[in-house]
Amino acid sequence: MIAPFFRYWNMTERTGEKNACGFERQISLQGVSFQYSGQNGFALKEIDLTIDKGEVLAVVGENGAGKSTLVNIILGLYAPSSGAVFYDDTDISEVREEQIHKMQSVVLQNFVRYKLTVGENICIADFGKGDADRMEEDIKTIFPGGQVDERLQQ
């Protein structure tokens, strides 16, 4: 049960230096392969994929087919063994890790639900910087055109 944690822990850290990364048009994978440390085979091999902004994509396959690995690579949580992931025209391996994650939100299949308000959960990654104005701005970004309701802060 703890094996995925150790696999993640033993991965090499991203060393990108760019401080900006956008996502206005698409995410693309070019020749992406991934092999877990200590494994003989590849979890993913030579994947070419383009996802346009606003496109909905379903990834379907049997257990162990590489679906979660693919998502972790797209999110930049895992670095590919070979190939590259691009957000628009930027190779995310050249971008500082915290910059990549600032524009993402995901609920993975094994997640932890914190006993916090919706607003606190939205601001959790800012480690205490979540004032009410910024929280309201984030909620409006997540729910464009929607009414920001006091209940979201409860």
N, C-alpha and C. Protein backbone atom coordinates (compact mmCIF):
# COMPACT_ATOMS: atom_id res chain seq x y z
N MET A 1 0.82 -1.20 0.00
CA MET A 1 0.00 0.00 0.00
C MET A 1 0.87 1.27 0.00
N ILE A 2 2.01 1.20 0.61
CA ILE A 2 2.87 2.38 0.70
C ILE A 2 3.87 2.46 -0.46
N ALA A 3 3.92 1.42 -1.29
CA ALA A 3 4.87 1.37 -2.41
C ALA A 3 4.77 2.59 -3.33
N PRO A 4 3.56 3.07 -3.70
CA PRO A 4 3.52 4.26 -4.56
C PRO A 4 4.18 5.48 -3.93
N PHE A 5 4.06 5.62 -2.63
CA PHE A 5 4.72 6.73 -1.94
C PHE A 5 6.23 6.66 -2.13
N PHE A 6 6.81 5.49 -1.93
CA PHE A 6 8.25 5.35 -2.07
C PHE A 6 8.70 5.52 -3.52
N ARG A 7 7.88 5.06 -4.48
CA ARG A 7 8.21 5.29 -5.89
C ARG A 7 8.27 6.78 -6.17
N TYR A 8 7.27 7.51 -5.67
CA TYR A 8 7.24 8.96 -5.87
C TYR A 8 8.42 9.63 -5.16
N TRP A 9 8.69 9.22 -3.95
CA TRP A 9 9.76 9.79 -3.13
C TRP A 9 11.12 9.64 -3.81
N ASN A 10 11.33 8.53 -4.49
CA ASN A 10 12.63 8.23 -5.10
C ASN A 10 12.80 8.84 -6.49
N MET A 11 11.80 9.53 -6.99
CA MET A 11 11.93 10.13 -8.32
C MET A 11 12.82 11.36 -8.27
N THR A 12 13.48 11.63 -9.40
CA THR A 12 14.35 12.80 -9.46
C THR A 12 13.52 14.07 -9.46
N GLU A 13 14.05 15.10 -8.85
CA GLU A 13 13.35 16.37 -8.74
C GLU A 13 13.52 17.18 -10.01
N ARG A 14 12.46 17.89 -10.39
CA ARG A 14 12.47 18.75 -11.57
C ARG A 14 13.44 19.90 -11.32
N THR A 15 14.24 20.25 -12.32
CA THR A 15 15.26 21.28 -12.14
C THR A 15 15.03 22.50 -13.02
N GLY A 16 13.84 22.67 -13.56
CA GLY A 16 13.57 23.80 -14.44
C GLY A 16 13.81 25.14 -13.78
N GLU A 17 14.16 26.12 -14.58
CA GLU A 17 14.48 27.45 -14.07
C GLU A 17 13.48 28.52 -14.50
N LYS A 18 12.64 28.25 -15.50
CA LYS A 18 11.70 29.26 -15.97
C LYS A 18 10.66 29.54 -14.89
N ASN A 19 10.29 30.81 -14.78
CA ASN A 19 9.34 31.21 -13.75
C ASN A 19 7.92 31.38 -14.27
N ALA A 20 7.71 31.07 -15.54
CA ALA A 20 6.37 31.24 -16.08
C ALA A 20 6.04 30.08 -17.00
N CYS A 21 4.77 29.74 -17.02
CA CYS A 21 4.28 28.66 -17.88
C CYS A 21 2.81 28.94 -18.12
N GLY A 22 2.41 28.99 -19.38
CA GLY A 22 1.02 29.27 -19.68
C GLY A 22 0.30 28.07 -20.24
N PHE A 23 -1.00 28.19 -20.27
CA PHE A 23 -1.83 27.16 -20.90
C PHE A 23 -3.01 27.88 -21.54
N GLU A 24 -2.80 28.31 -22.76
CA GLU A 24 -3.84 29.04 -23.49
C GLU A 24 -4.42 28.24 -24.64
N ARG A 25 -3.64 27.27 -25.19
CA ARG A 25 -4.08 26.54 -26.38
C ARG A 25 -4.17 25.03 -26.19
N GLN A 26 -3.09 24.44 -25.69
CA GLN A 26 -3.07 22.98 -25.65
C GLN A 26 -1.98 22.43 -24.75
N ILE A 27 -2.15 21.17 -24.40
CA ILE A 27 -1.11 20.38 -23.75
C ILE A 27 -0.75 19.29 -24.75
N SER A 28 0.54 19.08 -24.95
CA SER A 28 0.92 18.01 -25.87
C SER A 28 2.05 17.17 -25.29
N LEU A 29 1.98 15.89 -25.57
CA LEU A 29 3.02 14.94 -25.20
C LEU A 29 3.67 14.49 -26.50
N GLN A 30 5.00 14.52 -26.51
CA GLN A 30 5.73 14.13 -27.71
C GLN A 30 6.72 13.03 -27.36
N GLY A 31 6.43 11.82 -27.85
CA GLY A 31 7.32 10.68 -27.63
C GLY A 31 7.54 10.34 -26.18
N VAL A 32 6.51 10.48 -25.34
CA VAL A 32 6.66 10.28 -23.89
C VAL A 32 6.67 8.80 -23.54
N SER A 33 7.72 8.41 -22.84
CA SER A 33 7.82 7.07 -22.26
C SER A 33 8.10 7.24 -20.78
N PHE A 34 7.68 6.25 -20.00
CA PHE A 34 7.92 6.31 -18.56
C PHE A 34 8.17 4.92 -18.03
N GLN A 35 9.24 4.80 -17.24
CA GLN A 35 9.60 3.54 -16.61
C GLN A 35 9.82 3.81 -15.12
N TYR A 36 9.09 3.08 -14.29
CA TYR A 36 9.28 3.21 -12.84
C TYR A 36 10.64 2.66 -12.45
N SER A 37 11.27 3.29 -11.48
CA SER A 37 12.56 2.85 -10.97
C SER A 37 12.49 1.40 -10.53
N GLY A 38 13.45 0.61 -10.95
CA GLY A 38 13.52 -0.78 -10.55
C GLY A 38 12.64 -1.72 -11.36
N GLN A 39 11.93 -1.20 -12.35
CA GLN A 39 11.05 -2.02 -13.19
C GLN A 39 11.71 -2.30 -14.53
N ASN A 40 11.47 -3.46 -15.10
CA ASN A 40 12.04 -3.81 -16.39
C ASN A 40 11.27 -3.19 -17.56
N GLY A 41 9.96 -3.22 -17.48
CA GLY A 41 9.13 -2.73 -18.59
C GLY A 41 8.74 -1.28 -18.41
N PHE A 42 8.15 -0.73 -19.45
CA PHE A 42 7.68 0.65 -19.43
C PHE A 42 6.21 0.69 -19.05
N ALA A 43 5.83 1.66 -18.23
CA ALA A 43 4.43 1.90 -17.91
C ALA A 43 3.77 2.61 -19.10
N LEU A 44 4.53 3.47 -19.77
CA LEU A 44 4.07 4.17 -20.99
C LEU A 44 5.22 4.12 -21.99
N LYS A 45 4.89 4.00 -23.26
CA LYS A 45 5.94 3.94 -24.27
C LYS A 45 5.55 4.75 -25.49
N GLU A 46 6.37 5.78 -25.77
CA GLU A 46 6.27 6.61 -26.97
C GLU A 46 4.86 7.15 -27.22
N ILE A 47 4.34 7.84 -26.24
CA ILE A 47 3.00 8.42 -26.33
C ILE A 47 3.07 9.79 -26.99
N ASP A 48 2.29 9.98 -28.05
CA ASP A 48 2.08 11.27 -28.69
C ASP A 48 0.60 11.61 -28.48
N LEU A 49 0.34 12.76 -27.88
CA LEU A 49 -1.03 13.13 -27.54
C LEU A 49 -1.14 14.64 -27.49
N THR A 50 -2.21 15.17 -28.05
CA THR A 50 -2.49 16.60 -27.94
C THR A 50 -3.88 16.78 -27.38
N ILE A 51 -4.00 17.61 -26.35
CA ILE A 51 -5.29 17.93 -25.73
C ILE A 51 -5.48 19.43 -25.87
N ASP A 52 -6.48 19.82 -26.65
CA ASP A 52 -6.76 21.23 -26.84
C ASP A 52 -7.51 21.79 -25.64
N LYS A 53 -7.30 23.07 -25.37
CA LYS A 53 -8.00 23.73 -24.27
C LYS A 53 -9.50 23.57 -24.46
N GLY A 54 -10.18 23.17 -23.41
CA GLY A 54 -11.62 22.98 -23.46
C GLY A 54 -12.05 21.59 -23.91
N GLU A 55 -11.12 20.80 -24.41
CA GLU A 55 -11.44 19.44 -24.87
C GLU A 55 -11.65 18.53 -23.67
N VAL A 56 -12.59 17.62 -23.79
CA VAL A 56 -12.84 16.62 -22.76
C VAL A 56 -12.28 15.29 -23.28
N LEU A 57 -11.51 14.63 -22.45
CA LEU A 57 -10.84 13.40 -22.85
C LEU A 57 -11.08 12.33 -21.81
N ALA A 58 -11.44 11.13 -22.25
CA ALA A 58 -11.58 9.98 -21.36
C ALA A 58 -10.42 9.04 -21.63
N VAL A 59 -9.74 8.63 -20.58
CA VAL A 59 -8.65 7.66 -20.70
C VAL A 59 -9.17 6.37 -20.08
N VAL A 60 -9.28 5.33 -20.90
CA VAL A 60 -9.90 4.08 -20.48
C VAL A 60 -8.90 2.94 -20.66
N GLY A 61 -8.87 2.03 -19.72
CA GLY A 61 -8.00 0.87 -19.84
C GLY A 61 -8.07 0.00 -18.60
N GLU A 62 -7.45 -1.15 -18.70
CA GLU A 62 -7.44 -2.09 -17.59
C GLU A 62 -6.54 -1.58 -16.46
N ASN A 63 -6.67 -2.19 -15.29
CA ASN A 63 -5.78 -1.87 -14.17
C ASN A 63 -4.34 -2.10 -14.62
N GLY A 64 -3.48 -1.14 -14.29
CA GLY A 64 -2.07 -1.27 -14.63
C GLY A 64 -1.73 -0.87 -16.05
N ALA A 65 -2.69 -0.32 -16.79
CA ALA A 65 -2.43 0.05 -18.19
C ALA A 65 -1.66 1.35 -18.33
N GLY A 66 -1.57 2.15 -17.24
CA GLY A 66 -0.81 3.40 -17.29
C GLY A 66 -1.65 4.66 -17.27
N LYS A 67 -2.94 4.54 -16.98
CA LYS A 67 -3.83 5.71 -16.97
C LYS A 67 -3.41 6.74 -15.93
N SER A 68 -3.20 6.30 -14.70
CA SER A 68 -2.80 7.23 -13.64
C SER A 68 -1.40 7.78 -13.89
N THR A 69 -0.52 6.95 -14.41
CA THR A 69 0.84 7.40 -14.74
C THR A 69 0.77 8.50 -15.79
N LEU A 70 -0.07 8.32 -16.80
CA LEU A 70 -0.25 9.33 -17.85
C LEU A 70 -0.71 10.65 -17.25
N VAL A 71 -1.71 10.60 -16.38
CA VAL A 71 -2.22 11.82 -15.74
C VAL A 71 -1.13 12.48 -14.90
N ASN A 72 -0.37 11.70 -14.15
CA ASN A 72 0.71 12.25 -13.32
C ASN A 72 1.79 12.91 -14.17
N ILE A 73 2.04 12.39 -15.35
CA ILE A 73 3.01 13.00 -16.25
C ILE A 73 2.46 14.29 -16.82
N ILE A 74 1.20 14.29 -17.23
CA ILE A 74 0.58 15.51 -17.75
C ILE A 74 0.60 16.62 -16.71
N LEU A 75 0.36 16.26 -15.45
CA LEU A 75 0.36 17.23 -14.36
C LEU A 75 1.75 17.68 -13.96
N GLY A 76 2.77 16.98 -14.43
CA GLY A 76 4.13 17.31 -14.04
C GLY A 76 4.53 16.71 -12.71
N LEU A 77 3.73 15.81 -12.17
CA LEU A 77 4.09 15.15 -10.92
C LEU A 77 5.19 14.12 -11.16
N TYR A 78 5.15 13.49 -12.32
CA TYR A 78 6.21 12.58 -12.75
C TYR A 78 6.88 13.20 -13.97
N ALA A 79 8.19 13.03 -14.07
CA ALA A 79 8.93 13.45 -15.27
C ALA A 79 9.07 12.24 -16.18
N PRO A 80 8.82 12.41 -17.47
CA PRO A 80 8.95 11.26 -18.37
C PRO A 80 10.38 10.74 -18.41
N SER A 81 10.54 9.44 -18.64
CA SER A 81 11.87 8.85 -18.82
C SER A 81 12.47 9.33 -20.12
N SER A 82 11.62 9.54 -21.12
CA SER A 82 12.04 10.13 -22.40
C SER A 82 10.85 10.85 -23.00
N GLY A 83 11.12 11.74 -23.94
CA GLY A 83 10.06 12.55 -24.53
C GLY A 83 9.84 13.81 -23.72
N ALA A 84 8.80 14.55 -24.09
CA ALA A 84 8.55 15.84 -23.43
C ALA A 84 7.06 16.14 -23.36
N VAL A 85 6.70 16.93 -22.34
CA VAL A 85 5.34 17.43 -22.16
C VAL A 85 5.40 18.94 -22.35
N PHE A 86 4.50 19.45 -23.19
CA PHE A 86 4.46 20.88 -23.48
C PHE A 86 3.12 21.46 -23.06
N TYR A 87 3.19 22.59 -22.35
CA TYR A 87 2.00 23.41 -22.12
C TYR A 87 2.16 24.55 -23.12
N ASP A 88 1.29 24.60 -24.11
CA ASP A 88 1.46 25.46 -25.28
C ASP A 88 2.82 25.12 -25.90
N ASP A 89 3.75 26.05 -25.97
CA ASP A 89 5.04 25.78 -26.60
C ASP A 89 6.16 25.61 -25.59
N THR A 90 5.83 25.50 -24.31
CA THR A 90 6.84 25.42 -23.25
C THR A 90 7.00 23.99 -22.75
N ASP A 91 8.21 23.48 -22.83
CA ASP A 91 8.53 22.18 -22.27
C ASP A 91 8.51 22.33 -20.75
N ILE A 92 7.62 21.61 -20.08
CA ILE A 92 7.46 21.82 -18.64
C ILE A 92 8.67 21.37 -17.83
N SER A 93 9.59 20.62 -18.45
CA SER A 93 10.81 20.26 -17.72
C SER A 93 11.70 21.48 -17.51
N GLU A 94 11.44 22.57 -18.24
CA GLU A 94 12.23 23.80 -18.11
C GLU A 94 11.61 24.79 -17.13
N VAL A 95 10.48 24.42 -16.54
CA VAL A 95 9.73 25.34 -15.68
C VAL A 95 9.85 24.89 -14.23
N ARG A 96 9.99 25.87 -13.34
CA ARG A 96 10.04 25.56 -11.91
C ARG A 96 8.75 24.84 -11.52
N GLU A 97 8.89 23.80 -10.72
CA GLU A 97 7.76 22.93 -10.40
C GLU A 97 6.57 23.69 -9.80
N GLU A 98 6.84 24.61 -8.88
CA GLU A 98 5.71 25.32 -8.25
C GLU A 98 4.93 26.17 -9.25
N GLN A 99 5.59 26.61 -10.32
CA GLN A 99 4.89 27.40 -11.35
C GLN A 99 3.92 26.54 -12.14
N ILE A 100 4.29 25.30 -12.39
CA ILE A 100 3.41 24.38 -13.11
C ILE A 100 2.15 24.12 -12.29
N HIS A 101 2.32 23.86 -11.01
CA HIS A 101 1.20 23.45 -10.18
C HIS A 101 0.28 24.60 -9.79
N LYS A 102 0.70 25.85 -9.98
CA LYS A 102 -0.15 26.99 -9.66
C LYS A 102 -1.39 27.04 -10.54
N MET A 103 -1.33 26.45 -11.73
CA MET A 103 -2.47 26.56 -12.66
C MET A 103 -3.20 25.24 -12.81
N GLN A 104 -3.07 24.35 -11.85
CA GLN A 104 -3.70 23.05 -11.92
C GLN A 104 -4.60 22.81 -10.73
N SER A 105 -5.58 21.99 -10.97
CA SER A 105 -6.42 21.50 -9.89
C SER A 105 -6.88 20.11 -10.30
N VAL A 106 -6.77 19.17 -9.40
CA VAL A 106 -7.09 17.79 -9.76
C VAL A 106 -7.54 17.04 -8.51
N VAL A 107 -8.45 16.11 -8.70
CA VAL A 107 -8.81 15.16 -7.65
C VAL A 107 -8.49 13.79 -8.21
N LEU A 108 -7.46 13.15 -7.66
CA LEU A 108 -7.04 11.84 -8.12
C LEU A 108 -7.86 10.75 -7.45
N GLN A 109 -7.73 9.53 -7.93
CA GLN A 109 -8.58 8.46 -7.43
C GLN A 109 -8.35 8.15 -5.96
N ASN A 110 -7.15 8.36 -5.46
CA ASN A 110 -6.86 8.18 -4.04
C ASN A 110 -6.56 9.55 -3.46
N PHE A 111 -7.54 10.19 -2.88
CA PHE A 111 -7.36 11.55 -2.40
C PHE A 111 -7.70 11.64 -0.92
N VAL A 112 -7.29 12.74 -0.32
CA VAL A 112 -7.58 13.00 1.08
C VAL A 112 -8.54 14.18 1.13
N ARG A 113 -9.62 14.04 1.83
CA ARG A 113 -10.58 15.12 2.01
C ARG A 113 -10.32 15.73 3.38
N TYR A 114 -9.93 17.00 3.35
CA TYR A 114 -9.63 17.69 4.61
C TYR A 114 -10.90 18.29 5.19
N LYS A 115 -11.02 18.27 6.51
CA LYS A 115 -12.18 18.86 7.18
C LYS A 115 -11.98 20.36 7.28
N LEU A 116 -12.08 21.02 6.14
CA LEU A 116 -11.93 22.46 6.04
C LEU A 116 -13.09 22.99 5.22
N THR A 117 -13.28 24.30 5.26
CA THR A 117 -14.30 24.89 4.40
C THR A 117 -13.85 24.80 2.95
N VAL A 118 -14.77 25.01 2.00
CA VAL A 118 -14.42 25.02 0.59
C VAL A 118 -13.35 26.07 0.34
N GLY A 119 -13.53 27.24 0.93
CA GLY A 119 -12.56 28.31 0.76
C GLY A 119 -11.19 27.94 1.28
N GLU A 120 -11.13 27.32 2.44
CA GLU A 120 -9.84 26.89 3.00
C GLU A 120 -9.19 25.83 2.12
N ASN A 121 -9.99 24.91 1.57
CA ASN A 121 -9.45 23.90 0.67
C ASN A 121 -8.88 24.53 -0.60
N ILE A 122 -9.54 25.57 -1.11
CA ILE A 122 -9.06 26.26 -2.30
C ILE A 122 -7.72 26.92 -2.02
N CYS A 123 -7.58 27.49 -0.83
CA CYS A 123 -6.38 28.26 -0.49
C CYS A 123 -5.28 27.41 0.15
N ILE A 124 -5.50 26.13 0.32
CA ILE A 124 -4.58 25.31 1.10
C ILE A 124 -3.15 25.32 0.55
N ALA A 125 -2.98 25.43 -0.75
CA ALA A 125 -1.64 25.40 -1.34
C ALA A 125 -0.85 26.68 -1.08
N ASP A 126 -1.53 27.75 -0.66
CA ASP A 126 -0.83 29.01 -0.41
C ASP A 126 -0.31 29.12 1.02
N PHE A 127 -0.46 28.07 1.81
CA PHE A 127 0.09 27.99 3.16
C PHE A 127 -0.12 29.26 3.98
N GLY A 128 -1.38 29.58 4.24
CA GLY A 128 -1.70 30.68 5.12
C GLY A 128 -1.83 32.03 4.47
N LYS A 129 -1.67 32.13 3.15
CA LYS A 129 -1.79 33.41 2.47
C LYS A 129 -3.22 33.68 2.01
N GLY A 130 -4.16 32.83 2.39
CA GLY A 130 -5.53 32.91 1.86
C GLY A 130 -6.40 33.92 2.55
N ASP A 131 -6.34 35.19 2.13
CA ASP A 131 -7.25 36.17 2.69
C ASP A 131 -8.59 36.09 1.96
N ALA A 132 -9.61 36.72 2.51
CA ALA A 132 -10.97 36.63 1.98
C ALA A 132 -11.08 37.15 0.55
N ASP A 133 -10.40 38.24 0.22
CA ASP A 133 -10.48 38.79 -1.14
C ASP A 133 -9.89 37.83 -2.16
N ARG A 134 -8.73 37.25 -1.84
CA ARG A 134 -8.09 36.33 -2.78
C ARG A 134 -8.93 35.06 -2.92
N MET A 135 -9.51 34.61 -1.82
CA MET A 135 -10.35 33.42 -1.85
C MET A 135 -11.56 33.66 -2.75
N GLU A 136 -12.19 34.82 -2.61
CA GLU A 136 -13.35 35.14 -3.44
C GLU A 136 -12.94 35.22 -4.91
N GLU A 137 -11.77 35.77 -5.19
CA GLU A 137 -11.26 35.85 -6.56
C GLU A 137 -11.04 34.44 -7.13
N ASP A 138 -10.46 33.55 -6.33
CA ASP A 138 -10.24 32.17 -6.77
C ASP A 138 -11.56 31.46 -7.02
N ILE A 139 -12.54 31.65 -6.15
CA ILE A 139 -13.84 31.01 -6.32
C ILE A 139 -14.49 31.50 -7.60
N LYS A 140 -14.39 32.80 -7.91
CA LYS A 140 -14.95 33.33 -9.16
C LYS A 140 -14.23 32.75 -10.37
N THR A 141 -12.94 32.48 -10.24
CA THR A 141 -12.19 31.86 -11.34
C THR A 141 -12.68 30.44 -11.57
N ILE A 142 -12.91 29.72 -10.48
CA ILE A 142 -13.35 28.33 -10.58
C ILE A 142 -14.79 28.25 -11.07
N PHE A 143 -15.64 29.16 -10.63
CA PHE A 143 -17.05 29.18 -11.01
C PHE A 143 -17.36 30.48 -11.75
N PRO A 144 -16.85 30.66 -13.00
CA PRO A 144 -17.06 31.93 -13.70
C PRO A 144 -18.54 32.23 -13.89
N GLY A 145 -18.90 33.46 -13.62
CA GLY A 145 -20.28 33.90 -13.77
C GLY A 145 -21.19 33.43 -12.65
N GLY A 146 -20.66 32.61 -11.77
CA GLY A 146 -21.46 32.09 -10.67
C GLY A 146 -21.50 33.04 -9.49
N GLN A 147 -22.50 32.90 -8.68
CA GLN A 147 -22.64 33.71 -7.48
C GLN A 147 -21.75 33.15 -6.39
N VAL A 148 -20.91 34.00 -5.82
CA VAL A 148 -20.10 33.57 -4.69
C VAL A 148 -20.99 33.66 -3.46
N ASP A 149 -21.15 32.55 -2.82
CA ASP A 149 -22.11 32.41 -1.74
C ASP A 149 -21.37 32.28 -0.41
N GLU A 150 -21.92 32.87 0.65
CA GLU A 150 -21.29 32.79 1.97
C GLU A 150 -21.13 31.34 2.42
N ARG A 151 -22.01 30.45 1.91
CA ARG A 151 -21.93 29.06 2.32
C ARG A 151 -20.60 28.42 1.90
N LEU A 152 -19.95 28.96 0.84
CA LEU A 152 -18.67 28.39 0.41
C LEU A 152 -17.57 28.64 1.42
N GLN A 153 -17.80 29.60 2.33
CA GLN A 153 -16.79 29.89 3.33
C GLN A 153 -17.10 29.22 4.65
N GLN A 154 -18.12 28.38 4.67
CA GLN A 154 -18.51 27.68 5.91
C GLN A 154 -18.00 26.27 5.91
